[in-house]
Amino acid sequence: QVQLVESGGGLVQAGGSLRLSCTASTHTFSMYNMAWFRRAPDGVRVFVASIDRSGGKTYFADSVSGRFFISRDQARNTVYLQMNSLKPEDTAVYHCAASSFTTSRSPNAYDYWGQGTQVTVSS
């Protein structure tokens, strides 16, 4: 079982930046592909970004490409989401997720989820 805990959310003005962190409670963190999803008020989880086990490959939703960056620190069992040039439409609860097998854009492909951290972008 892997527990994921997100942090770093908050309220920011449009154009600002935030860095989200997700720390995993496992000694095999390097065996997991990691991803960030966001959940809008309608409850649907939408893919934001993912990173493979080694950190060598990253993937982004079109809506955040060029503004958001995903990285991981194997020694700290942590994955980060650097969010720049934030827009009001980025407002959501952000969840990190882990999978042993894939960096898929589908939330159904991930085995473990964190509780989420709220990001609110004011205009």
PDB file of N, CA and C in Angstrom:
ATOM      1  N   GLN A   1       0.840  -1.187   0.000  1.00  0.00           N
ATOM      2  CA  GLN A   1       0.000   0.000   0.000  1.00  0.00           C
ATOM      3  C   GLN A   1       0.883   1.248   0.000  1.00  0.00           C
ATOM      4  N   VAL A   2       0.528   2.214  -0.834  1.00  0.00           N
ATOM      5  CA  VAL A   2       1.274   3.457  -0.935  1.00  0.00           C
ATOM      6  C   VAL A   2       0.350   4.596  -0.510  1.00  0.00           C
ATOM      7  N   GLN A   3       0.807   5.381   0.434  1.00  0.00           N
ATOM      8  CA  GLN A   3       0.057   6.580   0.830  1.00  0.00           C
ATOM      9  C   GLN A   3       0.702   7.802   0.208  1.00  0.00           C
ATOM     10  N   LEU A   4      -0.130   8.669  -0.342  1.00  0.00           N
ATOM     11  CA  LEU A   4       0.340   9.880  -0.996  1.00  0.00           C
ATOM     12  C   LEU A   4      -0.247  11.084  -0.283  1.00  0.00           C
ATOM     13  N   VAL A   5       0.595  12.054   0.019  1.00  0.00           N
ATOM     14  CA  VAL A   5       0.147  13.257   0.712  1.00  0.00           C
ATOM     15  C   VAL A   5       0.592  14.487  -0.066  1.00  0.00           C
ATOM     16  N   GLU A   6      -0.394  15.267  -0.509  1.00  0.00           N
ATOM     17  CA  GLU A   6      -0.110  16.484  -1.265  1.00  0.00           C
ATOM     18  C   GLU A   6      -0.022  17.691  -0.345  1.00  0.00           C
ATOM     19  N   SER A   7       0.723  18.681  -0.794  1.00  0.00           N
ATOM     20  CA  SER A   7       0.796  19.958  -0.079  1.00  0.00           C
ATOM     21  C   SER A   7       1.155  21.053  -1.069  1.00  0.00           C
ATOM     22  N   GLY A   8       1.011  22.299  -0.625  1.00  0.00           N
ATOM     23  CA  GLY A   8       1.445  23.413  -1.449  1.00  0.00           C
ATOM     24  C   GLY A   8       0.338  24.203  -2.112  1.00  0.00           C
ATOM     25  N   GLY A   9      -0.909  23.741  -1.969  1.00  0.00           N
ATOM     26  CA  GLY A   9      -2.002  24.489  -2.567  1.00  0.00           C
ATOM     27  C   GLY A   9      -2.264  25.790  -1.838  1.00  0.00           C
ATOM     28  N   GLY A  10      -3.162  26.601  -2.411  1.00  0.00           N
ATOM     29  CA  GLY A  10      -3.506  27.862  -1.775  1.00  0.00           C
ATOM     30  C   GLY A  10      -4.205  28.791  -2.727  1.00  0.00           C
ATOM     31  N   LEU A  11      -4.293  30.044  -2.318  1.00  0.00           N
ATOM     32  CA  LEU A  11      -4.935  31.086  -3.112  1.00  0.00           C
ATOM     33  C   LEU A  11      -3.858  31.949  -3.743  1.00  0.00           C
ATOM     34  N   VAL A  12      -3.984  32.173  -5.045  1.00  0.00           N
ATOM     35  CA  VAL A  12      -2.988  32.969  -5.767  1.00  0.00           C
ATOM     36  C   VAL A  12      -3.707  33.799  -6.818  1.00  0.00           C
ATOM     37  N   GLN A  13      -3.139  34.952  -7.132  1.00  0.00           N
ATOM     38  CA  GLN A  13      -3.716  35.781  -8.186  1.00  0.00           C
ATOM     39  C   GLN A  13      -3.333  35.250  -9.558  1.00  0.00           C
ATOM     40  N   ALA A  14      -4.146  35.559 -10.529  1.00  0.00           N
ATOM     41  CA  ALA A  14      -3.850  35.170 -11.902  1.00  0.00           C
ATOM     42  C   ALA A  14      -2.475  35.697 -12.297  1.00  0.00           C
ATOM     43  N   GLY A  15      -1.711  34.842 -12.982  1.00  0.00           N
ATOM     44  CA  GLY A  15      -0.358  35.198 -13.373  1.00  0.00           C
ATOM     45  C   GLY A  15       0.694  34.744 -12.370  1.00  0.00           C
ATOM     46  N   GLY A  16       0.261  34.314 -11.195  1.00  0.00           N
ATOM     47  CA  GLY A  16       1.185  33.883 -10.165  1.00  0.00           C
ATOM     48  C   GLY A  16       1.618  32.437 -10.325  1.00  0.00           C
ATOM     49  N   SER A  17       2.382  31.964  -9.337  1.00  0.00           N
ATOM     50  CA  SER A  17       2.933  30.619  -9.370  1.00  0.00           C
ATOM     51  C   SER A  17       2.706  29.902  -8.041  1.00  0.00           C
ATOM     52  N   LEU A  18       2.644  28.594  -8.139  1.00  0.00           N
ATOM     53  CA  LEU A  18       2.595  27.722  -6.965  1.00  0.00           C
ATOM     54  C   LEU A  18       3.387  26.472  -7.272  1.00  0.00           C
ATOM     55  N   ARG A  19       3.928  25.848  -6.241  1.00  0.00           N
ATOM     56  CA  ARG A  19       4.557  24.545  -6.407  1.00  0.00           C
ATOM     57  C   ARG A  19       3.878  23.548  -5.479  1.00  0.00           C
ATOM     58  N   LEU A  20       3.314  22.525  -6.081  1.00  0.00           N
ATOM     59  CA  LEU A  20       2.698  21.459  -5.316  1.00  0.00           C
ATOM     60  C   LEU A  20       3.707  20.337  -5.079  1.00  0.00           C
ATOM     61  N   SER A  21       3.588  19.697  -3.933  1.00  0.00           N
ATOM     62  CA  SER A  21       4.429  18.552  -3.598  1.00  0.00           C
ATOM     63  C   SER A  21       3.545  17.363  -3.263  1.00  0.00           C
ATOM     64  N   CYS A  22       4.046  16.188  -3.545  1.00  0.00           N
ATOM     65  CA  CYS A  22       3.352  14.950  -3.197  1.00  0.00           C
ATOM     66  C   CYS A  22       4.409  13.971  -2.698  1.00  0.00           C
ATOM     67  N   THR A  23       4.287  13.595  -1.439  1.00  0.00           N
ATOM     68  CA  THR A  23       5.251  12.687  -0.839  1.00  0.00           C
ATOM     69  C   THR A  23       4.630  11.308  -0.642  1.00  0.00           C
ATOM     70  N   ALA A  24       5.369  10.290  -1.049  1.00  0.00           N
ATOM     71  CA  ALA A  24       4.886   8.916  -0.994  1.00  0.00           C
ATOM     72  C   ALA A  24       5.511   8.167   0.177  1.00  0.00           C
ATOM     73  N   SER A  25       4.687   7.374   0.846  1.00  0.00           N
ATOM     74  CA  SER A  25       5.163   6.573   1.976  1.00  0.00           C
ATOM     75  C   SER A  25       5.512   5.176   1.499  1.00  0.00           C
ATOM     76  N   THR A  26       6.587   5.069   0.769  1.00  0.00           N
ATOM     77  CA  THR A  26       7.050   3.785   0.276  1.00  0.00           C
ATOM     78  C   THR A  26       8.553   3.848   0.063  1.00  0.00           C
ATOM     79  N   HIS A  27       9.225   2.690   0.295  1.00  0.00           N
ATOM     80  CA  HIS A  27      10.663   2.644   0.035  1.00  0.00           C
ATOM     81  C   HIS A  27      10.954   2.251  -1.405  1.00  0.00           C
ATOM     82  N   THR A  28       9.869   2.060  -2.195  1.00  0.00           N
ATOM     83  CA  THR A  28      10.043   1.699  -3.603  1.00  0.00           C
ATOM     84  C   THR A  28       9.484   2.782  -4.516  1.00  0.00           C
ATOM     85  N   PHE A  29       9.655   4.025  -4.113  1.00  0.00           N
ATOM     86  CA  PHE A  29       9.113   5.162  -4.872  1.00  0.00           C
ATOM     87  C   PHE A  29       9.587   5.137  -6.321  1.00  0.00           C
ATOM     88  N   SER A  30      10.825   4.753  -6.555  1.00  0.00           N
ATOM     89  CA  SER A  30      11.384   4.776  -7.908  1.00  0.00           C
ATOM     90  C   SER A  30      10.743   3.745  -8.836  1.00  0.00           C
ATOM     91  N   MET A  31       9.912   2.865  -8.281  1.00  0.00           N
ATOM     92  CA  MET A  31       9.225   1.872  -9.107  1.00  0.00           C
ATOM     93  C   MET A  31       7.885   2.378  -9.642  1.00  0.00           C
ATOM     94  N   TYR A  32       7.488   3.585  -9.218  1.00  0.00           N
ATOM     95  CA  TYR A  32       6.174   4.105  -9.591  1.00  0.00           C
ATOM     96  C   TYR A  32       6.260   5.266 -10.561  1.00  0.00           C
ATOM     97  N   ASN A  33       5.435   5.196 -11.583  1.00  0.00           N
ATOM     98  CA  ASN A  33       5.159   6.356 -12.401  1.00  0.00           C
ATOM     99  C   ASN A  33       4.195   7.244 -11.615  1.00  0.00           C
ATOM    100  N   MET A  34       4.369   8.539 -11.741  1.00  0.00           N
ATOM    101  CA  MET A  34       3.571   9.469 -10.953  1.00  0.00           C
ATOM    102  C   MET A  34       2.833  10.451 -11.856  1.00  0.00           C
ATOM    103  N   ALA A  35       1.697  10.921 -11.377  1.00  0.00           N
ATOM    104  CA  ALA A  35       0.905  11.852 -12.179  1.00  0.00           C
ATOM    105  C   ALA A  35       0.175  12.836 -11.282  1.00  0.00           C
ATOM    106  N   TRP A  36      -0.231  13.925 -11.896  1.00  0.00           N
ATOM    107  CA  TRP A  36      -1.106  14.901 -11.269  1.00  0.00           C
ATOM    108  C   TRP A  36      -2.394  14.985 -12.076  1.00  0.00           C
ATOM    109  N   PHE A  37      -3.494  14.973 -11.365  1.00  0.00           N
ATOM    110  CA  PHE A  37      -4.814  15.209 -11.945  1.00  0.00           C
ATOM    111  C   PHE A  37      -5.454  16.362 -11.180  1.00  0.00           C
ATOM    112  N   ARG A  38      -6.448  16.968 -11.788  1.00  0.00           N
ATOM    113  CA  ARG A  38      -7.206  17.968 -11.064  1.00  0.00           C
ATOM    114  C   ARG A  38      -8.692  17.657 -11.185  1.00  0.00           C
ATOM    115  N   ARG A  39      -9.399  17.979 -10.122  1.00  0.00           N
ATOM    116  CA  ARG A  39     -10.816  17.666 -10.049  1.00  0.00           C
ATOM    117  C   ARG A  39     -11.606  18.951  -9.981  1.00  0.00           C
ATOM    118  N   ALA A  40     -12.395  19.158 -10.980  1.00  0.00           N
ATOM    119  CA  ALA A  40     -13.238  20.341 -11.067  1.00  0.00           C
ATOM    120  C   ALA A  40     -14.501  20.133 -10.231  1.00  0.00           C
ATOM    121  N   PRO A  41     -15.313  21.183 -10.042  1.00  0.00           N
ATOM    122  CA  PRO A  41     -16.523  21.053  -9.222  1.00  0.00           C
ATOM    123  C   PRO A  41     -17.467  19.943  -9.661  1.00  0.00           C
ATOM    124  N   ASP A  42     -17.433  19.567 -10.947  1.00  0.00           N
ATOM    125  CA  ASP A  42     -18.327  18.487 -11.386  1.00  0.00           C
ATOM    126  C   ASP A  42     -17.818  17.115 -10.973  1.00  0.00           C
ATOM    127  N   GLY A  43     -16.621  17.073 -10.345  1.00  0.00           N
ATOM    128  CA  GLY A  43     -16.115  15.810  -9.816  1.00  0.00           C
ATOM    129  C   GLY A  43     -15.233  15.009 -10.750  1.00  0.00           C
ATOM    130  N   VAL A  44     -15.152  15.414 -12.003  1.00  0.00           N
ATOM    131  CA  VAL A  44     -14.358  14.652 -12.970  1.00  0.00           C
ATOM    132  C   VAL A  44     -12.880  14.956 -12.764  1.00  0.00           C
ATOM    133  N   ARG A  45     -12.056  13.901 -12.743  1.00  0.00           N
ATOM    134  CA  ARG A  45     -10.606  14.067 -12.611  1.00  0.00           C
ATOM    135  C   ARG A  45     -10.001  14.189 -13.997  1.00  0.00           C
ATOM    136  N   VAL A  46      -9.267  15.253 -14.209  1.00  0.00           N
ATOM    137  CA  VAL A  46      -8.696  15.564 -15.516  1.00  0.00           C
ATOM    138  C   VAL A  46      -7.170  15.497 -15.421  1.00  0.00           C
ATOM    139  N   PHE A  47      -6.573  14.829 -16.385  1.00  0.00           N
ATOM    140  CA  PHE A  47      -5.113  14.685 -16.434  1.00  0.00           C
ATOM    141  C   PHE A  47      -4.441  16.042 -16.541  1.00  0.00           C
ATOM    142  N   VAL A  48      -3.363  16.213 -15.766  1.00  0.00           N
ATOM    143  CA  VAL A  48      -2.560  17.435 -15.833  1.00  0.00           C
ATOM    144  C   VAL A  48      -1.157  17.115 -16.352  1.00  0.00           C
ATOM    145  N   ALA A  49      -0.482  16.162 -15.683  1.00  0.00           N
ATOM    146  CA  ALA A  49       0.893  15.834 -16.051  1.00  0.00           C
ATOM    147  C   ALA A  49       1.264  14.478 -15.472  1.00  0.00           C
ATOM    148  N   SER A  50       2.257  13.839 -16.087  1.00  0.00           N
ATOM    149  CA  SER A  50       2.786  12.588 -15.537  1.00  0.00           C
ATOM    150  C   SER A  50       4.278  12.512 -15.807  1.00  0.00           C
ATOM    151  N   ILE A  51       4.932  11.642 -15.034  1.00  0.00           N
ATOM    152  CA  ILE A  51       6.378  11.468 -15.135  1.00  0.00           C
ATOM    153  C   ILE A  51       6.689   9.999 -14.927  1.00  0.00           C
ATOM    154  N   ASP A  52       7.641   9.473 -15.694  1.00  0.00           N
ATOM    155  CA  ASP A  52       7.930   8.055 -15.582  1.00  0.00           C
ATOM    156  C   ASP A  52       8.822   7.780 -14.380  1.00  0.00           C
ATOM    157  N   ARG A  53       9.115   6.497 -14.172  1.00  0.00           N
ATOM    158  CA  ARG A  53       9.826   6.069 -12.959  1.00  0.00           C
ATOM    159  C   ARG A  53      11.168   6.779 -12.785  1.00  0.00           C
ATOM    160  N   SER A  54      11.877   6.944 -13.893  1.00  0.00           N
ATOM    161  CA  SER A  54      13.223   7.518 -13.819  1.00  0.00           C
ATOM    162  C   SER A  54      13.222   9.036 -13.793  1.00  0.00           C
ATOM    163  N   GLY A  55      12.089   9.628 -14.163  1.00  0.00           N
ATOM    164  CA  GLY A  55      12.018  11.081 -14.304  1.00  0.00           C
ATOM    165  C   GLY A  55      12.484  11.568 -15.651  1.00  0.00           C
ATOM    166  N   GLY A  56      12.793  10.635 -16.550  1.00  0.00           N
ATOM    167  CA  GLY A  56      13.321  11.013 -17.847  1.00  0.00           C
ATOM    168  C   GLY A  56      12.277  11.406 -18.870  1.00  0.00           C
ATOM    169  N   LYS A  57      11.031  10.999 -18.657  1.00  0.00           N
ATOM    170  CA  LYS A  57       9.954  11.323 -19.600  1.00  0.00           C
ATOM    171  C   LYS A  57       8.804  11.989 -18.860  1.00  0.00           C
ATOM    172  N   THR A  58       8.330  13.072 -19.425  1.00  0.00           N
ATOM    173  CA  THR A  58       7.217  13.801 -18.838  1.00  0.00           C
ATOM    174  C   THR A  58       6.152  14.063 -19.889  1.00  0.00           C
ATOM    175  N   TYR A  59       4.923  14.186 -19.440  1.00  0.00           N
ATOM    176  CA  TYR A  59       3.782  14.383 -20.332  1.00  0.00           C
ATOM    177  C   TYR A  59       2.869  15.439 -19.710  1.00  0.00           C
ATOM    178  N   PHE A  60       2.247  16.235 -20.585  1.00  0.00           N
ATOM    179  CA  PHE A  60       1.419  17.327 -20.092  1.00  0.00           C
ATOM    180  C   PHE A  60       0.136  17.430 -20.898  1.00  0.00           C
ATOM    181  N   ALA A  61      -0.927  17.848 -20.217  1.00  0.00           N
ATOM    182  CA  ALA A  61      -2.146  18.209 -20.923  1.00  0.00           C
ATOM    183  C   ALA A  61      -1.872  19.466 -21.750  1.00  0.00           C
ATOM    184  N   ASP A  62      -2.549  19.583 -22.875  1.00  0.00           N
ATOM    185  CA  ASP A  62      -2.364  20.751 -23.744  1.00  0.00           C
ATOM    186  C   ASP A  62      -2.647  22.057 -22.992  1.00  0.00           C
ATOM    187  N   SER A  63      -3.607  22.001 -22.084  1.00  0.00           N
ATOM    188  CA  SER A  63      -4.039  23.213 -21.390  1.00  0.00           C
ATOM    189  C   SER A  63      -2.975  23.777 -20.443  1.00  0.00           C
ATOM    190  N   VAL A  64      -1.992  22.957 -20.071  1.00  0.00           N
ATOM    191  CA  VAL A  64      -0.975  23.423 -19.130  1.00  0.00           C
ATOM    192  C   VAL A  64       0.439  23.376 -19.721  1.00  0.00           C
ATOM    193  N   SER A  65       0.575  22.829 -20.917  1.00  0.00           N
ATOM    194  CA  SER A  65       1.899  22.690 -21.523  1.00  0.00           C
ATOM    195  C   SER A  65       2.570  24.053 -21.669  1.00  0.00           C
ATOM    196  N   GLY A  66       3.816  24.112 -21.226  1.00  0.00           N
ATOM    197  CA  GLY A  66       4.557  25.362 -21.281  1.00  0.00           C
ATOM    198  C   GLY A  66       4.392  26.232 -20.050  1.00  0.00           C
ATOM    199  N   ARG A  67       3.408  25.901 -19.207  1.00  0.00           N
ATOM    200  CA  ARG A  67       3.194  26.663 -17.960  1.00  0.00           C
ATOM    201  C   ARG A  67       3.486  25.810 -16.728  1.00  0.00           C
ATOM    202  N   PHE A  68       3.188  24.524 -16.805  1.00  0.00           N
ATOM    203  CA  PHE A  68       3.382  23.611 -15.677  1.00  0.00           C
ATOM    204  C   PHE A  68       4.555  22.684 -15.971  1.00  0.00           C
ATOM    205  N   PHE A  69       5.246  22.282 -14.891  1.00  0.00           N
ATOM    206  CA  PHE A  69       6.378  21.389 -15.035  1.00  0.00           C
ATOM    207  C   PHE A  69       6.326  20.359 -13.905  1.00  0.00           C
ATOM    208  N   ILE A  70       6.592  19.107 -14.262  1.00  0.00           N
ATOM    209  CA  ILE A  70       6.569  18.031 -13.277  1.00  0.00           C
ATOM    210  C   ILE A  70       7.982  17.499 -13.105  1.00  0.00           C
ATOM    211  N   SER A  71       8.330  17.184 -11.858  1.00  0.00           N
ATOM    212  CA  SER A  71       9.649  16.630 -11.576  1.00  0.00           C
ATOM    213  C   SER A  71       9.534  15.732 -10.352  1.00  0.00           C
ATOM    214  N   ARG A  72      10.593  14.967 -10.099  1.00  0.00           N
ATOM    215  CA  ARG A  72      10.577  14.096  -8.935  1.00  0.00           C
ATOM    216  C   ARG A  72      11.947  14.067  -8.287  1.00  0.00           C
ATOM    217  N   ASP A  73      11.934  13.846  -6.978  1.00  0.00           N
ATOM    218  CA  ASP A  73      13.157  13.713  -6.193  1.00  0.00           C
ATOM    219  C   ASP A  73      13.108  12.327  -5.553  1.00  0.00           C
ATOM    220  N   GLN A  74      13.884  11.413  -6.102  1.00  0.00           N
ATOM    221  CA  GLN A  74      13.820  10.027  -5.640  1.00  0.00           C
ATOM    222  C   GLN A  74      14.247   9.901  -4.179  1.00  0.00           C
ATOM    223  N   ALA A  75      15.217  10.707  -3.788  1.00  0.00           N
ATOM    224  CA  ALA A  75      15.724  10.607  -2.413  1.00  0.00           C
ATOM    225  C   ALA A  75      14.693  11.068  -1.388  1.00  0.00           C
ATOM    226  N   ARG A  76      13.806  11.964  -1.817  1.00  0.00           N
ATOM    227  CA  ARG A  76      12.787  12.491  -0.916  1.00  0.00           C
ATOM    228  C   ARG A  76      11.429  11.840  -1.120  1.00  0.00           C
ATOM    229  N   ASN A  77      11.348  10.862  -2.032  1.00  0.00           N
ATOM    230  CA  ASN A  77      10.070  10.199  -2.337  1.00  0.00           C
ATOM    231  C   ASN A  77       8.986  11.210  -2.689  1.00  0.00           C
ATOM    232  N   THR A  78       9.349  12.211  -3.452  1.00  0.00           N
ATOM    233  CA  THR A  78       8.440  13.325  -3.702  1.00  0.00           C
ATOM    234  C   THR A  78       8.368  13.671  -5.187  1.00  0.00           C
ATOM    235  N   VAL A  79       7.170  13.964  -5.627  1.00  0.00           N
ATOM    236  CA  VAL A  79       6.950  14.482  -6.969  1.00  0.00           C
ATOM    237  C   VAL A  79       6.403  15.903  -6.832  1.00  0.00           C
ATOM    238  N   TYR A  80       6.829  16.765  -7.739  1.00  0.00           N
ATOM    239  CA  TYR A  80       6.462  18.173  -7.686  1.00  0.00           C
ATOM    240  C   TYR A  80       5.679  18.576  -8.942  1.00  0.00           C
ATOM    241  N   LEU A  81       4.840  19.583  -8.770  1.00  0.00           N
ATOM    242  CA  LEU A  81       4.196  20.213  -9.904  1.00  0.00           C
ATOM    243  C   LEU A  81       4.400  21.718  -9.767  1.00  0.00           C
ATOM    244  N   GLN A  82       5.275  22.246 -10.599  1.00  0.00           N
ATOM    245  CA  GLN A  82       5.510  23.687 -10.630  1.00  0.00           C
ATOM    246  C   GLN A  82       4.496  24.313 -11.582  1.00  0.00           C
ATOM    247  N   MET A  83       3.694  25.230 -11.063  1.00  0.00           N
ATOM    248  CA  MET A  83       2.632  25.845 -11.855  1.00  0.00           C
ATOM    249  C   MET A  83       2.914  27.329 -11.993  1.00  0.00           C
ATOM    250  N   ASN A  84       3.103  27.765 -13.219  1.00  0.00           N
ATOM    251  CA  ASN A  84       3.400  29.167 -13.519  1.00  0.00           C
ATOM    252  C   ASN A  84       2.285  29.771 -14.365  1.00  0.00           C
ATOM    253  N   SER A  85       2.252  31.079 -14.405  1.00  0.00           N
ATOM    254  CA  SER A  85       1.262  31.804 -15.220  1.00  0.00           C
ATOM    255  C   SER A  85      -0.142  31.257 -14.981  1.00  0.00           C
ATOM    256  N   LEU A  86      -0.490  31.137 -13.741  1.00  0.00           N
ATOM    257  CA  LEU A  86      -1.767  30.523 -13.382  1.00  0.00           C
ATOM    258  C   LEU A  86      -2.956  31.347 -13.858  1.00  0.00           C
ATOM    259  N   LYS A  87      -4.009  30.629 -14.232  1.00  0.00           N
ATOM    260  CA  LYS A  87      -5.230  31.232 -14.747  1.00  0.00           C
ATOM    261  C   LYS A  87      -6.399  30.820 -13.848  1.00  0.00           C
ATOM    262  N   PRO A  88      -7.466  31.614 -13.827  1.00  0.00           N
ATOM    263  CA  PRO A  88      -8.635  31.236 -13.023  1.00  0.00           C
ATOM    264  C   PRO A  88      -9.156  29.834 -13.359  1.00  0.00           C
ATOM    265  N   GLU A  89      -9.042  29.437 -14.616  1.00  0.00           N
ATOM    266  CA  GLU A  89      -9.525  28.107 -15.002  1.00  0.00           C
ATOM    267  C   GLU A  89      -8.648  26.976 -14.477  1.00  0.00           C
ATOM    268  N   ASP A  90      -7.517  27.295 -13.869  1.00  0.00           N
ATOM    269  CA  ASP A  90      -6.695  26.267 -13.214  1.00  0.00           C
ATOM    270  C   ASP A  90      -7.218  25.935 -11.807  1.00  0.00           C
ATOM    271  N   THR A  91      -8.209  26.688 -11.345  1.00  0.00           N
ATOM    272  CA  THR A  91      -8.779  26.431 -10.024  1.00  0.00           C
ATOM    273  C   THR A  91      -9.375  25.037  -9.950  1.00  0.00           C
ATOM    274  N   ALA A  92      -8.938  24.262  -8.954  1.00  0.00           N
ATOM    275  CA  ALA A  92      -9.400  22.884  -8.795  1.00  0.00           C
ATOM    276  C   ALA A  92      -8.727  22.280  -7.570  1.00  0.00           C
ATOM    277  N   VAL A  93      -9.167  21.081  -7.214  1.00  0.00           N
ATOM    278  CA  VAL A  93      -8.430  20.266  -6.258  1.00  0.00           C
ATOM    279  C   VAL A  93      -7.444  19.414  -7.047  1.00  0.00           C
ATOM    280  N   TYR A  94      -6.184  19.472  -6.678  1.00  0.00           N
ATOM    281  CA  TYR A  94      -5.132  18.750  -7.391  1.00  0.00           C
ATOM    282  C   TYR A  94      -4.757  17.504  -6.603  1.00  0.00           C
ATOM    283  N   HIS A  95      -4.772  16.368  -7.307  1.00  0.00           N
ATOM    284  CA  HIS A  95      -4.439  15.080  -6.715  1.00  0.00           C
ATOM    285  C   HIS A  95      -3.199  14.500  -7.382  1.00  0.00           C
ATOM    286  N   CYS A  96      -2.351  13.870  -6.599  1.00  0.00           N
ATOM    287  CA  CYS A  96      -1.300  13.079  -7.221  1.00  0.00           C
ATOM    288  C   CYS A  96      -1.719  11.612  -7.203  1.00  0.00           C
ATOM    289  N   ALA A  97      -1.128  10.845  -8.107  1.00  0.00           N
ATOM    290  CA  ALA A  97      -1.486   9.443  -8.272  1.00  0.00           C
ATOM    291  C   ALA A  97      -0.251   8.647  -8.650  1.00  0.00           C
ATOM    292  N   ALA A  98      -0.279   7.348  -8.340  1.00  0.00           N
ATOM    293  CA  ALA A  98       0.866   6.475  -8.606  1.00  0.00           C
ATOM    294  C   ALA A  98       0.422   5.224  -9.330  1.00  0.00           C
ATOM    295  N   SER A  99       1.268   4.784 -10.266  1.00  0.00           N
ATOM    296  CA  SER A  99       1.011   3.543 -10.997  1.00  0.00           C
ATOM    297  C   SER A  99       2.314   2.812 -11.215  1.00  0.00           C
ATOM    298  N   SER A 100       2.278   1.496 -11.071  1.00  0.00           N
ATOM    299  CA  SER A 100       3.475   0.680 -11.333  1.00  0.00           C
ATOM    300  C   SER A 100       3.710   0.478 -12.819  1.00  0.00           C
ATOM    301  N   PHE A 101       2.686   0.721 -13.653  1.00  0.00           N
ATOM    302  CA  PHE A 101       2.740   0.245 -15.043  1.00  0.00           C
ATOM    303  C   PHE A 101       2.682   1.323 -16.109  1.00  0.00           C
ATOM    304  N   THR A 102       2.163   2.492 -15.777  1.00  0.00           N
ATOM    305  CA  THR A 102       1.852   3.406 -16.861  1.00  0.00           C
ATOM    306  C   THR A 102       1.991   4.859 -16.463  1.00  0.00           C
ATOM    307  N   THR A 103       2.131   5.721 -17.502  1.00  0.00           N
ATOM    308  CA  THR A 103       2.049   7.170 -17.333  1.00  0.00           C
ATOM    309  C   THR A 103       0.800   7.688 -18.042  1.00  0.00           C
ATOM    310  N   SER A 104      -0.213   6.858 -18.076  1.00  0.00           N
ATOM    311  CA  SER A 104      -1.443   7.124 -18.809  1.00  0.00           C
ATOM    312  C   SER A 104      -2.122   8.436 -18.415  1.00  0.00           C
ATOM    313  N   ARG A 105      -2.915   8.976 -19.336  1.00  0.00           N
ATOM    314  CA  ARG A 105      -3.729  10.159 -19.064  1.00  0.00           C
ATOM    315  C   ARG A 105      -5.080   9.792 -18.453  1.00  0.00           C
ATOM    316  N   SER A 106      -5.342   8.508 -18.331  1.00  0.00           N
ATOM    317  CA  SER A 106      -6.610   8.068 -17.760  1.00  0.00           C
ATOM    318  C   SER A 106      -6.499   7.868 -16.256  1.00  0.00           C
ATOM    319  N   PRO A 107      -7.384   8.463 -15.467  1.00  0.00           N
ATOM    320  CA  PRO A 107      -7.326   8.259 -14.019  1.00  0.00           C
ATOM    321  C   PRO A 107      -7.552   6.808 -13.614  1.00  0.00           C
ATOM    322  N   ASN A 108      -8.220   6.045 -14.463  1.00  0.00           N
ATOM    323  CA  ASN A 108      -8.491   4.638 -14.131  1.00  0.00           C
ATOM    324  C   ASN A 108      -7.229   3.781 -14.106  1.00  0.00           C
ATOM    325  N   ALA A 109      -6.147   4.290 -14.660  1.00  0.00           N
ATOM    326  CA  ALA A 109      -4.916   3.513 -14.755  1.00  0.00           C
ATOM    327  C   ALA A 109      -4.063   3.583 -13.498  1.00  0.00           C
ATOM    328  N   TYR A 110      -4.462   4.414 -12.552  1.00  0.00           N
ATOM    329  CA  TYR A 110      -3.641   4.641 -11.371  1.00  0.00           C
ATOM    330  C   TYR A 110      -4.204   3.923 -10.156  1.00  0.00           C
ATOM    331  N   ASP A 111      -3.276   3.355  -9.378  1.00  0.00           N
ATOM    332  CA  ASP A 111      -3.662   2.511  -8.256  1.00  0.00           C
ATOM    333  C   ASP A 111      -3.803   3.270  -6.940  1.00  0.00           C
ATOM    334  N   TYR A 112      -3.023   4.311  -6.778  1.00  0.00           N
ATOM    335  CA  TYR A 112      -2.984   5.016  -5.495  1.00  0.00           C
ATOM    336  C   TYR A 112      -3.201   6.504  -5.728  1.00  0.00           C
ATOM    337  N   TRP A 113      -3.923   7.099  -4.779  1.00  0.00           N
ATOM    338  CA  TRP A 113      -4.293   8.510  -4.892  1.00  0.00           C
ATOM    339  C   TRP A 113      -4.104   9.217  -3.562  1.00  0.00           C
ATOM    340  N   GLY A 114      -3.741  10.494  -3.661  1.00  0.00           N
ATOM    341  CA  GLY A 114      -3.733  11.328  -2.479  1.00  0.00           C
ATOM    342  C   GLY A 114      -5.085  11.999  -2.282  1.00  0.00           C
ATOM    343  N   GLN A 115      -5.243  12.661  -1.150  1.00  0.00           N
ATOM    344  CA  GLN A 115      -6.518  13.300  -0.809  1.00  0.00           C
ATOM    345  C   GLN A 115      -6.731  14.607  -1.558  1.00  0.00           C
ATOM    346  N   GLY A 116      -5.660  15.192  -2.033  1.00  0.00           N
ATOM    347  CA  GLY A 116      -5.794  16.406  -2.820  1.00  0.00           C
ATOM    348  C   GLY A 116      -5.449  17.671  -2.065  1.00  0.00           C
ATOM    349  N   THR A 117      -5.103  18.710  -2.825  1.00  0.00           N
ATOM    350  CA  THR A 117      -4.834  20.023  -2.265  1.00  0.00           C
ATOM    351  C   THR A 117      -5.524  21.064  -3.152  1.00  0.00           C
ATOM    352  N   GLN A 118      -6.187  22.025  -2.503  1.00  0.00           N
ATOM    353  CA  GLN A 118      -6.979  23.013  -3.234  1.00  0.00           C
ATOM    354  C   GLN A 118      -6.089  24.116  -3.788  1.00  0.00           C
ATOM    355  N   VAL A 119      -6.283  24.402  -5.065  1.00  0.00           N
ATOM    356  CA  VAL A 119      -5.647  25.549  -5.718  1.00  0.00           C
ATOM    357  C   VAL A 119      -6.749  26.473  -6.203  1.00  0.00           C
ATOM    358  N   THR A 120      -6.687  27.725  -5.779  1.00  0.00           N
ATOM    359  CA  THR A 120      -7.661  28.719  -6.195  1.00  0.00           C
ATOM    360  C   THR A 120      -6.927  29.898  -6.815  1.00  0.00           C
ATOM    361  N   VAL A 121      -7.304  30.231  -8.052  1.00  0.00           N
ATOM    362  CA  VAL A 121      -6.671  31.331  -8.772  1.00  0.00           C
ATOM    363  C   VAL A 121      -7.709  32.433  -8.949  1.00  0.00           C
ATOM    364  N   SER A 122      -7.440  33.578  -8.386  1.00  0.00           N
ATOM    365  CA  SER A 122      -8.376  34.699  -8.489  1.00  0.00           C
ATOM    366  C   SER A 122      -8.019  35.575  -9.676  1.00  0.00           C
ATOM    367  N   SER A 123      -9.057  36.158 -10.265  1.00  0.00           N
ATOM    368  CA  SER A 123      -8.828  36.999 -11.447  1.00  0.00           C
ATOM    369  C   SER A 123      -8.567  38.448 -11.068  1.00  0.00           C
TER     370      SER A 123
END
